[in-house]
């Protein structure tokens, strides 16, 4: 979905941005005197040393300002260009093929939600499969659940894992846990080779399935195979009868991505998931500040209730395994979408079961 402007090529790209006149804002909140004292932000004030992403379908561009001499690491692996940059406000940033993957400042939001929403939705997850997520953050969060006995982590690029072990040790040490088993191979092939009913939870933390060019042309990327119906059905096959699937769901703010959300959800339903829901995540370093997840449940009646989620969360954080973004109210709240997004994704469907209204009223003391 995204086109990237790399830090060494964007110095002249400031003219593509819309100028922001600080006086108009100051005048609206502090009167004429405040406006007169406020600086004017012009095109030339946009930091040249930045890494940004352009969503051509909505004409949206955003960037993160980098520190001086920001490049800490660079390597061309067998599959992609790997970089680690130091930013002024977002800490270290992992960049793959010019696209921001994680930043130290807000990596918690996406990764905690990708891990804990499916893990808490299952009443007792023991065996877990993670496809993608080579930075190790989702794995780190999954391992916080004491019920977990075995996690297969499948990623194609070993160089990404080694990079994160060195530059992001706060989550890049997850593979040292004896419950974690790393497999460097193709995720789709690993899934095809797995036995029926192997896993309680599967988390697919894959990269974007397509990219839209400046002329509006959509180019399919290799990871698109992980969103096709055949692969989703394979994931359904290797889940246990009460299994939970969670996949990276892109942003509903981008029309091409919204179309993908609708299509991928249909694939999940076609494969037999009885309840499929889109959950929203606020992540400032991703385009438009929002990304999502698609949760599929084979048998919703066997999923955990809120009392169980709340109790297990309290147990988890009491063992010094705290979270900074996820808390139990989001187990339901993330699925409450803006009306226009809800209507686009669900259409005229009966969505009375999507928010698990049979759950007890949420007590914020449990969060």
Protein backbone atom coordinates (compact mmCIF):
# COMPACT_ATOMS: atom_id res chain seq x y z
CA UNK A 1 0.00 0.00 0.00
CA UNK A 2 2.88 2.34 0.68
CA UNK A 3 5.54 4.14 -1.31
CA UNK A 4 8.59 5.16 0.65
CA UNK A 5 10.76 8.22 0.34
CA UNK A 6 14.14 7.24 1.72
CA UNK A 7 16.10 9.65 3.92
CA UNK A 8 18.80 10.22 1.33
CA UNK A 9 16.35 11.11 -1.45
CA UNK A 10 13.75 13.30 0.22
CA UNK A 11 15.53 16.64 0.55
CA UNK A 12 13.62 18.01 -2.42
CA UNK A 13 10.34 16.31 -1.55
CA UNK A 14 9.26 19.07 0.84
CA UNK A 15 7.47 20.79 -2.04
CA UNK A 16 5.11 17.80 -2.16
CA UNK A 17 3.84 18.67 1.32
CA UNK A 18 1.10 21.12 2.15
CA UNK A 19 2.48 24.14 4.02
CA UNK A 20 1.20 24.74 7.50
CA UNK A 21 0.73 28.33 8.64
CA UNK A 22 1.10 28.42 12.43
CA UNK A 23 -0.42 31.92 12.63
CA UNK A 24 -3.88 30.65 11.72
CA UNK A 25 -3.79 28.11 14.54
CA UNK A 26 -2.43 30.59 17.06
CA UNK A 27 -5.07 33.12 16.12
CA UNK A 28 -7.82 30.60 16.72
CA UNK A 29 -6.64 29.74 20.23
CA UNK A 30 -4.80 32.83 21.49
CA UNK A 31 -5.96 35.85 19.49
CA UNK A 32 -3.99 38.24 17.27
CA UNK A 33 -1.15 38.74 19.74
CA UNK A 34 -0.47 35.02 19.89
CA UNK A 35 -0.54 34.86 16.12
CA UNK A 36 1.96 37.67 15.77
CA UNK A 37 4.37 35.95 18.13
CA UNK A 38 4.09 32.54 16.47
CA UNK A 39 6.61 31.35 13.89
CA UNK A 40 5.56 30.53 10.36
CA UNK A 41 6.31 26.95 9.32
CA UNK A 42 7.23 26.97 5.66
CA UNK A 43 8.23 24.35 3.11
CA UNK A 44 11.89 24.90 3.98
CA UNK A 45 11.29 24.05 7.64
CA UNK A 46 10.35 20.46 6.84
CA UNK A 47 13.32 18.34 8.01
CA UNK A 48 15.35 17.10 5.06
CA UNK A 49 16.77 14.24 7.12
CA UNK A 50 13.68 12.08 7.46
CA UNK A 51 12.16 8.82 6.38
CA UNK A 52 8.60 8.93 5.15
CA UNK A 53 5.82 7.05 3.43
CA UNK A 54 3.41 8.21 0.76
CA UNK A 55 -0.09 6.78 0.33
CA UNK A 56 -0.74 7.78 -3.26
CA UNK A 57 -4.39 6.72 -3.30
CA UNK A 58 -5.26 9.40 -0.73
CA UNK A 59 -2.39 11.81 -1.34
CA UNK A 60 -1.15 11.35 2.21
CA UNK A 61 2.49 11.70 3.24
CA UNK A 62 4.06 11.46 6.66
CA UNK A 63 7.62 11.18 7.90
CA UNK A 64 9.76 10.74 10.99
CA UNK A 65 12.67 13.09 11.55
CA UNK A 66 15.98 11.27 11.84
CA UNK A 67 18.97 12.13 14.00
CA UNK A 68 22.25 13.33 12.53
CA UNK A 69 24.20 10.43 11.02
CA UNK A 70 21.13 8.30 11.62
CA UNK A 71 22.15 5.10 9.86
CA UNK A 72 23.26 2.54 12.46
CA UNK A 73 23.14 -0.57 10.28
CA UNK A 74 22.58 -1.46 6.64
CA UNK A 75 22.60 -4.79 4.86
CA UNK A 76 21.14 -6.26 1.72
CA UNK A 77 19.88 -9.70 2.69
CA UNK A 78 18.86 -12.41 0.27
CA UNK A 79 15.32 -11.03 0.33
CA UNK A 80 15.34 -7.35 1.21
CA UNK A 81 17.23 -4.22 2.20
CA UNK A 82 17.61 -4.01 5.99
CA UNK A 83 18.37 -0.77 7.81
CA UNK A 84 18.33 0.49 11.39
CA UNK A 85 18.12 4.25 11.87
CA UNK A 86 18.29 6.50 14.91
CA UNK A 87 15.54 9.11 15.04
CA UNK A 88 15.17 12.30 17.05
CA UNK A 89 11.94 11.35 18.82
CA UNK A 90 11.03 7.74 17.97
CA UNK A 91 14.18 5.95 19.10
CA UNK A 92 15.65 3.35 16.80
CA UNK A 93 13.68 2.40 13.70
CA UNK A 94 13.75 -0.88 11.76
CA UNK A 95 13.31 -0.26 8.03
CA UNK A 96 12.85 -3.03 5.44
CA UNK A 97 13.00 -2.11 1.75
CA UNK A 98 12.56 1.51 2.78
CA UNK A 99 9.35 0.87 4.75
CA UNK A 100 9.18 1.55 8.50
CA UNK A 101 8.45 -1.68 10.37
CA UNK A 102 8.83 -0.78 14.05
CA UNK A 103 10.01 2.13 16.13
CA UNK A 104 11.04 1.97 19.75
CA UNK A 105 8.50 4.64 20.64
CA UNK A 106 5.29 2.99 19.44
CA UNK A 107 6.07 -0.65 18.60
CA UNK A 108 4.05 -1.68 21.64
CA UNK A 109 0.69 -0.74 20.14
CA UNK A 110 0.69 -2.96 17.06
CA UNK A 111 2.63 -5.88 18.54
CA UNK A 112 0.77 -6.11 21.84
CA UNK A 113 -2.56 -6.09 20.04
CA UNK A 114 -1.47 -8.63 17.45
CA UNK A 115 -0.41 -10.96 20.26
CA UNK A 116 -2.80 -10.44 23.16
CA UNK A 117 -6.14 -10.09 21.35
CA UNK A 118 -5.99 -13.69 19.99
CA UNK A 119 -4.16 -15.08 23.01
CA UNK A 120 -6.74 -13.81 25.50
CA UNK A 121 -9.62 -14.69 23.16
CA UNK A 122 -8.58 -18.34 23.48
CA UNK A 123 -9.42 -19.82 26.90
CA UNK A 124 -6.17 -21.78 27.29
CA UNK A 125 -3.60 -21.31 24.49
CA UNK A 126 -0.80 -23.85 24.66
CA UNK A 127 0.53 -24.28 21.13
CA UNK A 128 1.03 -21.18 19.00
CA UNK A 129 2.27 -20.51 15.46
CA UNK A 130 3.65 -17.12 14.43
CA UNK A 131 4.19 -16.52 10.72
CA UNK A 132 6.37 -13.49 10.05
CA UNK A 133 7.20 -10.95 12.73
CA UNK A 134 10.95 -11.32 12.33
CA UNK A 135 11.62 -8.50 14.81
CA UNK A 136 10.52 -10.85 17.62
CA UNK A 137 8.13 -8.46 19.38
CA UNK A 138 4.96 -10.51 18.85
CA UNK A 139 6.82 -13.62 20.02
CA UNK A 140 7.94 -11.76 23.15
CA UNK A 141 4.33 -10.88 23.98
CA UNK A 142 2.97 -14.37 23.28
CA UNK A 143 5.50 -15.85 25.70
CA UNK A 144 4.10 -13.71 28.52
CA UNK A 145 1.16 -16.12 28.72
CA UNK A 146 1.99 -18.82 31.27
CA UNK A 147 -0.25 -21.36 29.54
CA UNK A 148 2.02 -21.41 26.47
CA UNK A 149 4.04 -24.60 26.10
CA UNK A 150 5.30 -24.39 22.52
CA UNK A 151 5.63 -21.62 19.92
CA UNK A 152 6.71 -22.23 16.33
CA UNK A 153 8.02 -19.02 14.84
CA UNK A 154 8.45 -19.05 11.07
CA UNK A 155 10.27 -16.31 9.20
CA UNK A 156 11.97 -16.25 5.83
CA UNK A 157 14.83 -13.83 6.49
CA UNK A 158 17.34 -14.85 9.13
CA UNK A 159 19.22 -11.57 8.71
CA UNK A 160 16.24 -9.61 10.08
CA UNK A 161 16.28 -11.76 13.20
CA UNK A 162 20.02 -11.29 13.73
CA UNK A 163 19.61 -7.53 13.22
CA UNK A 164 16.89 -7.29 15.84
CA UNK A 165 18.82 -9.42 18.30
CA UNK A 166 21.61 -6.86 18.17
CA UNK A 167 19.78 -3.55 17.82
CA UNK A 168 16.47 -4.24 19.59
CA UNK A 169 17.45 -6.49 22.53
CA UNK A 170 14.42 -5.39 24.56
CA UNK A 171 12.35 -7.74 22.41
CA UNK A 172 15.02 -9.35 20.23
CA UNK A 173 15.92 -11.88 22.90
CA UNK A 174 12.60 -13.73 22.68
CA UNK A 175 14.15 -16.69 20.84
CA UNK A 176 16.19 -17.57 23.93
CA UNK A 177 13.02 -18.82 25.65
CA UNK A 178 13.05 -22.66 25.59
CA UNK A 179 9.40 -22.68 24.50
CA UNK A 180 10.26 -20.85 21.26
CA UNK A 181 11.26 -22.81 18.15
CA UNK A 182 12.54 -20.76 15.22
CA UNK A 183 12.13 -22.03 11.65
CA UNK A 184 13.84 -20.14 8.83
CA UNK A 185 11.69 -21.09 5.86
CA UNK A 186 8.72 -20.12 3.73
CA UNK A 187 5.67 -19.59 5.94
CA UNK A 188 3.14 -20.85 3.41
CA UNK A 189 5.07 -24.08 2.90
CA UNK A 190 5.45 -24.59 6.66
CA UNK A 191 1.68 -24.28 7.04
CA UNK A 192 1.00 -26.73 4.19
CA UNK A 193 3.29 -29.28 5.83
CA UNK A 194 1.75 -28.95 9.31
CA UNK A 195 -0.64 -31.56 10.66
CA UNK A 196 -4.35 -30.98 11.11
CA UNK A 197 -5.42 -29.47 14.43
CA UNK A 198 -1.94 -28.58 15.67
CA UNK A 199 -2.35 -25.07 17.06
CA UNK A 200 -4.58 -23.20 19.47
CA UNK A 201 -3.61 -19.77 18.12
CA UNK A 202 -2.02 -18.64 14.86
CA UNK A 203 -0.73 -15.10 14.41
CA UNK A 204 0.25 -13.99 10.92
CA UNK A 205 2.38 -10.85 11.17
CA UNK A 206 3.09 -10.47 7.48
CA UNK A 207 4.19 -7.52 5.38
CA UNK A 208 1.93 -5.62 2.98
CA UNK A 209 0.41 -7.87 0.28
CA UNK A 210 0.53 -5.18 -2.41
CA UNK A 211 1.84 -1.70 -3.12
CA UNK A 212 0.20 1.11 -5.07
CA UNK A 213 2.43 3.08 -7.42
CA UNK A 214 2.36 6.80 -8.09
CA UNK A 215 0.23 6.19 -11.18
CA UNK A 216 -2.28 4.18 -9.14
CA UNK A 217 -1.12 0.82 -10.45
CA UNK A 218 -1.35 -1.96 -7.87
CA UNK A 219 1.61 -4.33 -7.72
CA UNK A 220 1.17 -7.65 -5.93
CA UNK A 221 3.96 -8.54 -3.52
CA UNK A 222 5.10 -12.07 -2.51
CA UNK A 223 3.30 -11.83 0.84
CA UNK A 224 -0.03 -11.63 -1.04
CA UNK A 225 -0.03 -15.43 -1.06
CA UNK A 226 -0.55 -15.33 2.70
CA UNK A 227 -3.91 -13.58 2.21
CA UNK A 228 -5.32 -15.87 -0.47
CA UNK A 229 -8.18 -18.20 0.30
CA UNK A 230 -6.10 -21.34 -0.17
CA UNK A 231 -3.59 -20.28 2.48
CA UNK A 232 -6.28 -19.06 4.89
CA UNK A 233 -8.00 -22.44 4.56
CA UNK A 234 -4.72 -24.16 5.37
CA UNK A 235 -4.46 -22.04 8.52
CA UNK A 236 -8.01 -23.06 9.42
CA UNK A 237 -7.09 -26.72 8.89
CA UNK A 238 -4.13 -26.70 11.27
CA UNK A 239 -6.03 -24.94 14.05
CA UNK A 240 -7.73 -26.97 16.77
CA UNK A 241 -11.57 -26.95 16.93
CA UNK A 242 -11.62 -23.83 19.13
CA UNK A 243 -8.64 -22.24 17.39
CA UNK A 244 -8.10 -18.51 16.87
CA UNK A 245 -6.45 -16.85 13.85
CA UNK A 246 -5.18 -13.28 13.82
CA UNK A 247 -3.71 -11.62 10.74
CA UNK A 248 -2.32 -8.17 10.00
CA UNK A 249 -5.27 -6.22 8.63
CA UNK A 250 -3.95 -2.92 7.20
CA UNK A 251 -5.67 0.47 7.61
CA UNK A 252 -9.30 1.23 6.88
CA UNK A 253 -8.31 4.82 6.06
CA UNK A 254 -6.80 3.78 2.72
CA UNK A 255 -9.37 2.74 0.08
CA UNK A 256 -7.21 0.01 -1.45
CA UNK A 257 -6.56 -1.41 2.01
CA UNK A 258 -10.24 -1.22 2.92
CA UNK A 259 -11.02 -3.27 -0.16
CA UNK A 260 -8.43 -5.78 0.98
CA UNK A 261 -9.97 -6.00 4.46
CA UNK A 262 -13.34 -6.86 2.94
CA UNK A 263 -11.81 -9.46 0.61
CA UNK A 264 -9.62 -11.11 3.26
CA UNK A 265 -12.52 -11.33 5.69
CA UNK A 266 -14.58 -13.08 3.00
CA UNK A 267 -11.73 -15.55 2.55
CA UNK A 268 -11.75 -16.29 6.27
CA UNK A 269 -15.49 -16.88 6.24
CA UNK A 270 -15.26 -19.07 3.14
CA UNK A 271 -12.71 -21.24 4.93
CA UNK A 272 -15.03 -21.86 7.87
CA UNK A 273 -14.29 -19.24 10.51
CA UNK A 274 -17.65 -18.64 12.17
CA UNK A 275 -16.85 -15.17 13.50
CA UNK A 276 -14.48 -12.75 11.77
CA UNK A 277 -13.85 -9.23 13.02
CA UNK A 278 -11.69 -6.24 12.22
CA UNK A 279 -9.99 -4.56 15.16
CA UNK A 280 -8.42 -1.11 15.06
CA UNK A 281 -4.99 -0.17 16.43
CA UNK A 282 -3.62 3.35 16.85
CA UNK A 283 0.03 3.46 15.75
CA UNK A 284 1.42 6.90 15.00
CA UNK A 285 4.38 5.77 12.89
CA UNK A 286 2.17 3.97 10.36
CA UNK A 287 0.45 5.96 7.58
CA UNK A 288 -2.68 7.75 8.88
CA UNK A 289 -1.80 6.61 12.41
CA UNK A 290 -4.02 3.55 12.22
CA UNK A 291 -3.65 -0.11 11.32
CA UNK A 292 -5.78 -3.14 12.08
CA UNK A 293 -6.09 -6.84 12.69
CA UNK A 294 -8.48 -9.48 11.41
CA UNK A 295 -9.53 -12.01 14.03
CA UNK A 296 -11.09 -15.32 13.02
CA UNK A 297 -12.67 -17.79 15.45
CA UNK A 298 -13.50 -21.37 14.48
CA UNK A 299 -16.03 -21.75 17.29
CA UNK A 300 -16.91 -18.46 19.05
CA UNK A 301 -19.01 -20.24 21.69
CA UNK A 302 -15.79 -21.79 23.02
CA UNK A 303 -13.88 -18.52 23.23
CA UNK A 304 -12.98 -16.92 26.55
CA UNK A 305 -15.40 -14.63 28.38
CA UNK A 306 -14.47 -11.25 29.78
CA UNK A 307 -14.15 -12.45 33.37
CA UNK A 308 -11.53 -14.98 32.25
CA UNK A 309 -9.67 -12.38 30.18
CA UNK A 310 -9.59 -9.97 33.10
CA UNK A 311 -8.39 -12.59 35.57
CA UNK A 312 -5.65 -13.89 33.28
CA UNK A 313 -4.47 -10.37 32.53
CA UNK A 314 -4.15 -9.56 36.23
CA UNK A 315 -2.17 -12.76 36.73
CA UNK A 316 0.12 -11.90 33.82
CA UNK A 317 0.99 -8.38 34.96
CA UNK A 318 1.42 -9.52 38.58
CA UNK A 319 4.31 -11.65 37.31
CA UNK A 320 6.10 -8.55 35.99
CA UNK A 321 4.87 -9.23 32.45
CA UNK A 322 3.21 -5.89 31.95
CA UNK A 323 1.82 -4.28 28.84
CA UNK A 324 1.84 -0.60 27.89
CA UNK A 325 -0.87 -0.47 25.20
CA UNK A 326 -3.11 -3.53 25.57
CA UNK A 327 -5.50 -3.91 28.48
CA UNK A 328 -8.71 -5.96 28.79
CA UNK A 329 -11.19 -3.25 27.70
CA UNK A 330 -9.54 -3.35 24.25
CA UNK A 331 -10.50 -7.03 23.95
CA UNK A 332 -13.92 -5.69 23.05
CA UNK A 333 -13.29 -2.02 22.39
CA UNK A 334 -10.92 -2.40 19.45
CA UNK A 335 -13.75 -3.87 17.37
CA UNK A 336 -15.94 -0.79 17.81
CA UNK A 337 -15.31 1.07 14.56
CA UNK A 338 -16.39 4.39 13.06
CA UNK A 339 -19.80 3.99 11.42
CA UNK A 340 -18.53 4.41 7.85
CA UNK A 341 -15.81 1.79 8.39
CA UNK A 342 -18.26 -0.61 10.03
CA UNK A 343 -20.72 -0.27 7.17
CA UNK A 344 -18.01 -0.79 4.54
CA UNK A 345 -16.59 -3.89 6.21
CA UNK A 346 -19.80 -5.58 7.37
CA UNK A 347 -22.43 -4.17 5.02
CA UNK A 348 -25.93 -5.34 5.92
CA UNK A 349 -24.75 -8.29 8.02
CA UNK A 350 -26.23 -8.94 11.45
CA UNK A 351 -23.32 -7.80 13.60
CA UNK A 352 -24.97 -8.24 17.00
CA UNK A 353 -22.41 -10.90 17.97
CA UNK A 354 -19.30 -9.01 16.87
CA UNK A 355 -18.78 -7.17 20.13
CA UNK A 356 -19.45 -10.22 22.33
CA UNK A 357 -22.39 -8.50 24.00
CA UNK A 358 -22.93 -11.55 26.16
CA UNK A 359 -19.81 -10.56 28.09
CA UNK A 360 -20.31 -8.98 31.49
CA UNK A 361 -20.02 -5.21 31.72
CA UNK A 362 -16.39 -4.16 31.68
CA UNK A 363 -15.05 -3.02 35.03
CA UNK A 364 -12.19 -0.60 34.43
CA UNK A 365 -10.58 -1.67 37.69
CA UNK A 366 -9.63 -4.87 35.89
CA UNK A 367 -7.54 -3.01 33.31
